[in-house]
Amino acid sequence: MPEDLESEAAGDPSESGKKKFPIKMAVIGSKVLAVLGGGGVYLFSGGKSGSASGAAKKKEEVGAVLVPMEPFILNLADPGRFLKMTLQFEATSAAGGQLINLNKPELRDAIITLLGSETVDGIMSADGKMQLKDDIILRANQVLGKPVVKNVYFTEFVMQ
């Protein structure tokens, strides 16, 4: 057998001029990339398994419905102070969501009356906002006549 064929058969890279990438390294590299990619997806999704819509599916299974309200822009009890707030009600069921939609004018009135008596100091802190949420839930359920509102989410909250 000639010398150059023997060196190619032996895998001598100096003779061929090109370095051959071992197959084992390619397999190991692809496995490492797959593990790192999976870990990146896991961290990006917040460490939760399942799809990004898992929370939405869970709410649908429970029967909770979100009902958005138009923004509130009003004066606070402090002179010259204003609040712009947008919120969403979380109803316990689809029927509760329909009840909220039917009673939006009464709900808006109850919330405006409540917010008009609040001061900046009373609702500036996190505890103040939590108390405000509880008060809104209480008033909303009083207007609706039954415990339909499970939670309130502030989607916009700006004071001036």
C-alpha atoms as a PDB file:
ATOM      1  CA  MET A   1       0.000   0.000   0.000  1.00  0.00           C
ATOM      2  CA  PRO A   2       1.385   3.436  -0.862  1.00  0.00           C
ATOM      3  CA  GLU A   3       2.379   5.782   1.921  1.00  0.00           C
ATOM      4  CA  ASP A   4      -0.252   8.492   1.292  1.00  0.00           C
ATOM      5  CA  LEU A   5      -3.093   5.953   1.382  1.00  0.00           C
ATOM      6  CA  GLU A   6      -1.840   4.589   4.665  1.00  0.00           C
ATOM      7  CA  SER A   7      -1.720   8.056   6.242  1.00  0.00           C
ATOM      8  CA  GLU A   8      -5.308   8.823   5.093  1.00  0.00           C
ATOM      9  CA  ALA A   9      -6.527   5.451   6.341  1.00  0.00           C
ATOM     10  CA  ALA A  10      -4.881   6.067   9.702  1.00  0.00           C
ATOM     11  CA  GLY A  11      -6.583   9.482   9.927  1.00  0.00           C
ATOM     12  CA  ASP A  12      -3.379  11.505   9.929  1.00  0.00           C
ATOM     13  CA  PRO A  13      -4.557  15.112   9.527  1.00  0.00           C
ATOM     14  CA  SER A  14      -1.138  16.434   8.564  1.00  0.00           C
ATOM     15  CA  GLU A  15      -1.197  14.580   5.294  1.00  0.00           C
ATOM     16  CA  SER A  16      -4.680  15.548   4.137  1.00  0.00           C
ATOM     17  CA  GLY A  17      -4.338  19.248   5.071  1.00  0.00           C
ATOM     18  CA  LYS A  18      -7.728  19.270   6.820  1.00  0.00           C
ATOM     19  CA  LYS A  19      -8.549  18.420  10.411  1.00  0.00           C
ATOM     20  CA  LYS A  20     -11.373  15.972  10.738  1.00  0.00           C
ATOM     21  CA  PHE A  21     -13.892  16.655  13.519  1.00  0.00           C
ATOM     22  CA  PRO A  22     -14.444  13.476  15.510  1.00  0.00           C
ATOM     23  CA  ILE A  23     -18.019  12.201  15.488  1.00  0.00           C
ATOM     24  CA  LYS A  24     -17.981  11.675  19.257  1.00  0.00           C
ATOM     25  CA  MET A  25     -17.324  15.377  19.813  1.00  0.00           C
ATOM     26  CA  ALA A  26     -20.209  16.315  17.516  1.00  0.00           C
ATOM     27  CA  VAL A  27     -22.598  14.024  19.389  1.00  0.00           C
ATOM     28  CA  ILE A  28     -21.460  15.296  22.795  1.00  0.00           C
ATOM     29  CA  GLY A  29     -21.667  18.909  21.602  1.00  0.00           C
ATOM     30  CA  SER A  30     -25.204  18.467  20.313  1.00  0.00           C
ATOM     31  CA  LYS A  31     -26.284  16.878  23.618  1.00  0.00           C
ATOM     32  CA  VAL A  32     -24.758  19.741  25.594  1.00  0.00           C
ATOM     33  CA  LEU A  33     -26.545  22.291  23.392  1.00  0.00           C
ATOM     34  CA  ALA A  34     -29.841  20.453  23.827  1.00  0.00           C
ATOM     35  CA  VAL A  35     -29.480  20.445  27.624  1.00  0.00           C
ATOM     36  CA  LEU A  36     -28.496  24.112  27.711  1.00  0.00           C
ATOM     37  CA  GLY A  37     -31.341  25.033  25.360  1.00  0.00           C
ATOM     38  CA  GLY A  38     -33.847  23.159  27.510  1.00  0.00           C
ATOM     39  CA  GLY A  39     -32.508  24.854  30.621  1.00  0.00           C
ATOM     40  CA  GLY A  40     -32.799  28.244  28.931  1.00  0.00           C
ATOM     41  CA  VAL A  41     -36.419  27.571  28.026  1.00  0.00           C
ATOM     42  CA  TYR A  42     -37.101  26.427  31.598  1.00  0.00           C
ATOM     43  CA  LEU A  43     -35.581  29.608  33.067  1.00  0.00           C
ATOM     44  CA  PHE A  44     -37.235  31.866  30.489  1.00  0.00           C
ATOM     45  CA  SER A  45     -40.663  30.446  31.302  1.00  0.00           C
ATOM     46  CA  GLY A  46     -40.153  31.302  34.964  1.00  0.00           C
ATOM     47  CA  GLY A  47     -39.296  27.792  36.043  1.00  0.00           C
ATOM     48  CA  LYS A  48     -42.776  26.520  35.410  1.00  0.00           C
ATOM     49  CA  SER A  49     -43.453  23.462  33.369  1.00  0.00           C
ATOM     50  CA  GLY A  50     -46.048  23.517  30.620  1.00  0.00           C
ATOM     51  CA  SER A  51     -46.918  26.231  28.170  1.00  0.00           C
ATOM     52  CA  ALA A  52     -47.023  29.948  28.835  1.00  0.00           C
ATOM     53  CA  SER A  53     -50.800  29.821  28.801  1.00  0.00           C
ATOM     54  CA  GLY A  54     -50.885  27.340  31.689  1.00  0.00           C
ATOM     55  CA  ALA A  55     -52.172  29.991  34.103  1.00  0.00           C
ATOM     56  CA  ALA A  56     -54.893  31.012  31.659  1.00  0.00           C
ATOM     57  CA  LYS A  57     -55.931  27.374  31.223  1.00  0.00           C
ATOM     58  CA  LYS A  58     -56.047  26.929  34.996  1.00  0.00           C
ATOM     59  CA  LYS A  59     -58.343  29.950  35.346  1.00  0.00           C
ATOM     60  CA  GLU A  60     -60.609  28.594  32.604  1.00  0.00           C
ATOM     61  CA  GLU A  61     -60.824  25.249  34.374  1.00  0.00           C
ATOM     62  CA  VAL A  62     -61.768  26.940  37.629  1.00  0.00           C
ATOM     63  CA  GLY A  63     -64.277  29.134  35.794  1.00  0.00           C
ATOM     64  CA  ALA A  64     -62.820  32.545  36.701  1.00  0.00           C
ATOM     65  CA  VAL A  65     -63.470  35.380  34.250  1.00  0.00           C
ATOM     66  CA  LEU A  66     -61.728  38.766  34.006  1.00  0.00           C
ATOM     67  CA  VAL A  67     -63.961  41.768  33.320  1.00  0.00           C
ATOM     68  CA  PRO A  68     -62.161  45.028  32.434  1.00  0.00           C
ATOM     69  CA  MET A  69     -63.508  48.409  33.510  1.00  0.00           C
ATOM     70  CA  GLU A  70     -63.047  51.737  31.757  1.00  0.00           C
ATOM     71  CA  PRO A  71     -60.359  53.971  33.344  1.00  0.00           C
ATOM     72  CA  PHE A  72     -61.280  56.077  36.373  1.00  0.00           C
ATOM     73  CA  ILE A  73     -59.966  59.648  36.452  1.00  0.00           C
ATOM     74  CA  LEU A  74     -61.031  61.566  39.545  1.00  0.00           C
ATOM     75  CA  ASN A  75     -60.135  63.925  42.356  1.00  0.00           C
ATOM     76  CA  LEU A  76     -58.904  62.466  45.607  1.00  0.00           C
ATOM     77  CA  ALA A  77     -59.861  63.877  49.012  1.00  0.00           C
ATOM     78  CA  ASP A  78     -56.582  65.856  49.067  1.00  0.00           C
ATOM     79  CA  PRO A  79     -57.044  69.233  47.333  1.00  0.00           C
ATOM     80  CA  GLY A  80     -55.411  69.313  43.900  1.00  0.00           C
ATOM     81  CA  ARG A  81     -54.620  65.579  43.841  1.00  0.00           C
ATOM     82  CA  PHE A  82     -55.843  63.273  41.081  1.00  0.00           C
ATOM     83  CA  LEU A  83     -55.950  59.538  40.445  1.00  0.00           C
ATOM     84  CA  LYS A  84     -56.101  57.660  37.169  1.00  0.00           C
ATOM     85  CA  MET A  85     -56.830  54.002  37.732  1.00  0.00           C
ATOM     86  CA  THR A  86     -57.814  51.113  35.496  1.00  0.00           C
ATOM     87  CA  LEU A  87     -58.871  47.808  36.973  1.00  0.00           C
ATOM     88  CA  GLN A  88     -60.232  44.396  36.123  1.00  0.00           C
ATOM     89  CA  PHE A  89     -62.617  42.335  38.198  1.00  0.00           C
ATOM     90  CA  GLU A  90     -62.046  38.624  38.535  1.00  0.00           C
ATOM     91  CA  ALA A  91     -65.447  36.959  38.642  1.00  0.00           C
ATOM     92  CA  THR A  92     -66.002  33.501  40.070  1.00  0.00           C
ATOM     93  CA  SER A  93     -67.803  32.281  36.939  1.00  0.00           C
ATOM     94  CA  ALA A  94     -68.928  33.273  33.451  1.00  0.00           C
ATOM     95  CA  ALA A  95     -72.386  34.064  34.850  1.00  0.00           C
ATOM     96  CA  GLY A  96     -70.705  36.327  37.417  1.00  0.00           C
ATOM     97  CA  GLY A  97     -68.841  38.086  34.606  1.00  0.00           C
ATOM     98  CA  GLN A  98     -72.146  38.738  32.847  1.00  0.00           C
ATOM     99  CA  LEU A  99     -73.616  40.100  36.087  1.00  0.00           C
ATOM    100  CA  ILE A 100     -70.658  42.484  36.419  1.00  0.00           C
ATOM    101  CA  ASN A 101     -71.130  43.663  32.820  1.00  0.00           C
ATOM    102  CA  LEU A 102     -74.828  44.304  33.427  1.00  0.00           C
ATOM    103  CA  ASN A 103     -74.095  46.366  36.554  1.00  0.00           C
ATOM    104  CA  LYS A 104     -71.093  48.406  35.367  1.00  0.00           C
ATOM    105  CA  PRO A 105     -72.742  51.821  35.955  1.00  0.00           C
ATOM    106  CA  GLU A 106     -73.582  50.932  39.566  1.00  0.00           C
ATOM    107  CA  LEU A 107     -70.101  49.482  40.114  1.00  0.00           C
ATOM    108  CA  ARG A 108     -68.435  52.589  38.666  1.00  0.00           C
ATOM    109  CA  ASP A 109     -70.526  54.796  40.953  1.00  0.00           C
ATOM    110  CA  ALA A 110     -69.597  52.767  44.048  1.00  0.00           C
ATOM    111  CA  ILE A 111     -65.889  52.867  43.131  1.00  0.00           C
ATOM    112  CA  ILE A 112     -65.928  56.613  42.370  1.00  0.00           C
ATOM    113  CA  THR A 113     -67.627  57.288  45.704  1.00  0.00           C
ATOM    114  CA  LEU A 114     -65.019  55.178  47.492  1.00  0.00           C
ATOM    115  CA  LEU A 115     -62.027  56.698  45.697  1.00  0.00           C
ATOM    116  CA  GLY A 116     -63.260  60.266  46.185  1.00  0.00           C
ATOM    117  CA  SER A 117     -62.900  59.813  49.942  1.00  0.00           C
ATOM    118  CA  GLU A 118     -59.327  58.431  49.761  1.00  0.00           C
ATOM    119  CA  THR A 119     -56.181  60.466  50.417  1.00  0.00           C
ATOM    120  CA  VAL A 120     -52.815  60.117  48.713  1.00  0.00           C
ATOM    121  CA  ASP A 121     -51.207  58.963  51.966  1.00  0.00           C
ATOM    122  CA  GLY A 122     -53.924  56.340  52.410  1.00  0.00           C
ATOM    123  CA  ILE A 123     -53.354  54.634  49.058  1.00  0.00           C
ATOM    124  CA  MET A 124     -49.701  55.395  48.317  1.00  0.00           C
ATOM    125  CA  SER A 125     -48.259  52.374  50.147  1.00  0.00           C
ATOM    126  CA  ALA A 126     -48.600  48.731  49.159  1.00  0.00           C
ATOM    127  CA  ASP A 127     -50.737  48.112  52.250  1.00  0.00           C
ATOM    128  CA  GLY A 128     -52.973  51.015  51.256  1.00  0.00           C
ATOM    129  CA  LYS A 129     -53.463  49.539  47.788  1.00  0.00           C
ATOM    130  CA  MET A 130     -54.279  46.122  49.260  1.00  0.00           C
ATOM    131  CA  GLN A 131     -56.836  47.723  51.587  1.00  0.00           C
ATOM    132  CA  LEU A 132     -58.294  49.604  48.607  1.00  0.00           C
ATOM    133  CA  LYS A 133     -58.629  46.330  46.692  1.00  0.00           C
ATOM    134  CA  ASP A 134     -60.437  44.753  49.642  1.00  0.00           C
ATOM    135  CA  ASP A 135     -62.782  47.749  49.902  1.00  0.00           C
ATOM    136  CA  ILE A 136     -63.544  47.619  46.160  1.00  0.00           C
ATOM    137  CA  ILE A 137     -64.290  43.874  46.336  1.00  0.00           C
ATOM    138  CA  LEU A 138     -66.575  44.431  49.341  1.00  0.00           C
ATOM    139  CA  ARG A 139     -68.471  47.284  47.668  1.00  0.00           C
ATOM    140  CA  ALA A 140     -68.733  45.457  44.333  1.00  0.00           C
ATOM    141  CA  ASN A 141     -70.198  42.360  45.965  1.00  0.00           C
ATOM    142  CA  GLN A 142     -72.660  44.570  47.889  1.00  0.00           C
ATOM    143  CA  VAL A 143     -73.788  46.183  44.619  1.00  0.00           C
ATOM    144  CA  LEU A 144     -74.134  42.786  42.922  1.00  0.00           C
ATOM    145  CA  GLY A 145     -75.995  41.266  45.856  1.00  0.00           C
ATOM    146  CA  LYS A 146     -73.831  38.145  46.033  1.00  0.00           C
ATOM    147  CA  PRO A 147     -70.128  37.236  46.246  1.00  0.00           C
ATOM    148  CA  VAL A 148     -69.326  37.332  42.540  1.00  0.00           C
ATOM    149  CA  VAL A 149     -66.075  39.361  42.615  1.00  0.00           C
ATOM    150  CA  LYS A 150     -63.174  37.203  43.710  1.00  0.00           C
ATOM    151  CA  ASN A 151     -60.322  39.656  43.136  1.00  0.00           C
ATOM    152  CA  VAL A 152     -59.477  43.059  41.674  1.00  0.00           C
ATOM    153  CA  TYR A 153     -56.405  43.742  39.544  1.00  0.00           C
ATOM    154  CA  PHE A 154     -55.070  47.262  39.068  1.00  0.00           C
ATOM    155  CA  THR A 155     -53.771  47.524  35.516  1.00  0.00           C
ATOM    156  CA  GLU A 156     -53.036  51.246  35.766  1.00  0.00           C
ATOM    157  CA  PHE A 157     -52.556  53.358  38.896  1.00  0.00           C
ATOM    158  CA  VAL A 158     -51.249  56.917  38.560  1.00  0.00           C
ATOM    159  CA  MET A 159     -51.531  59.696  41.159  1.00  0.00           C
ATOM    160  CA  GLN A 160     -50.729  63.339  40.667  1.00  0.00           C
END
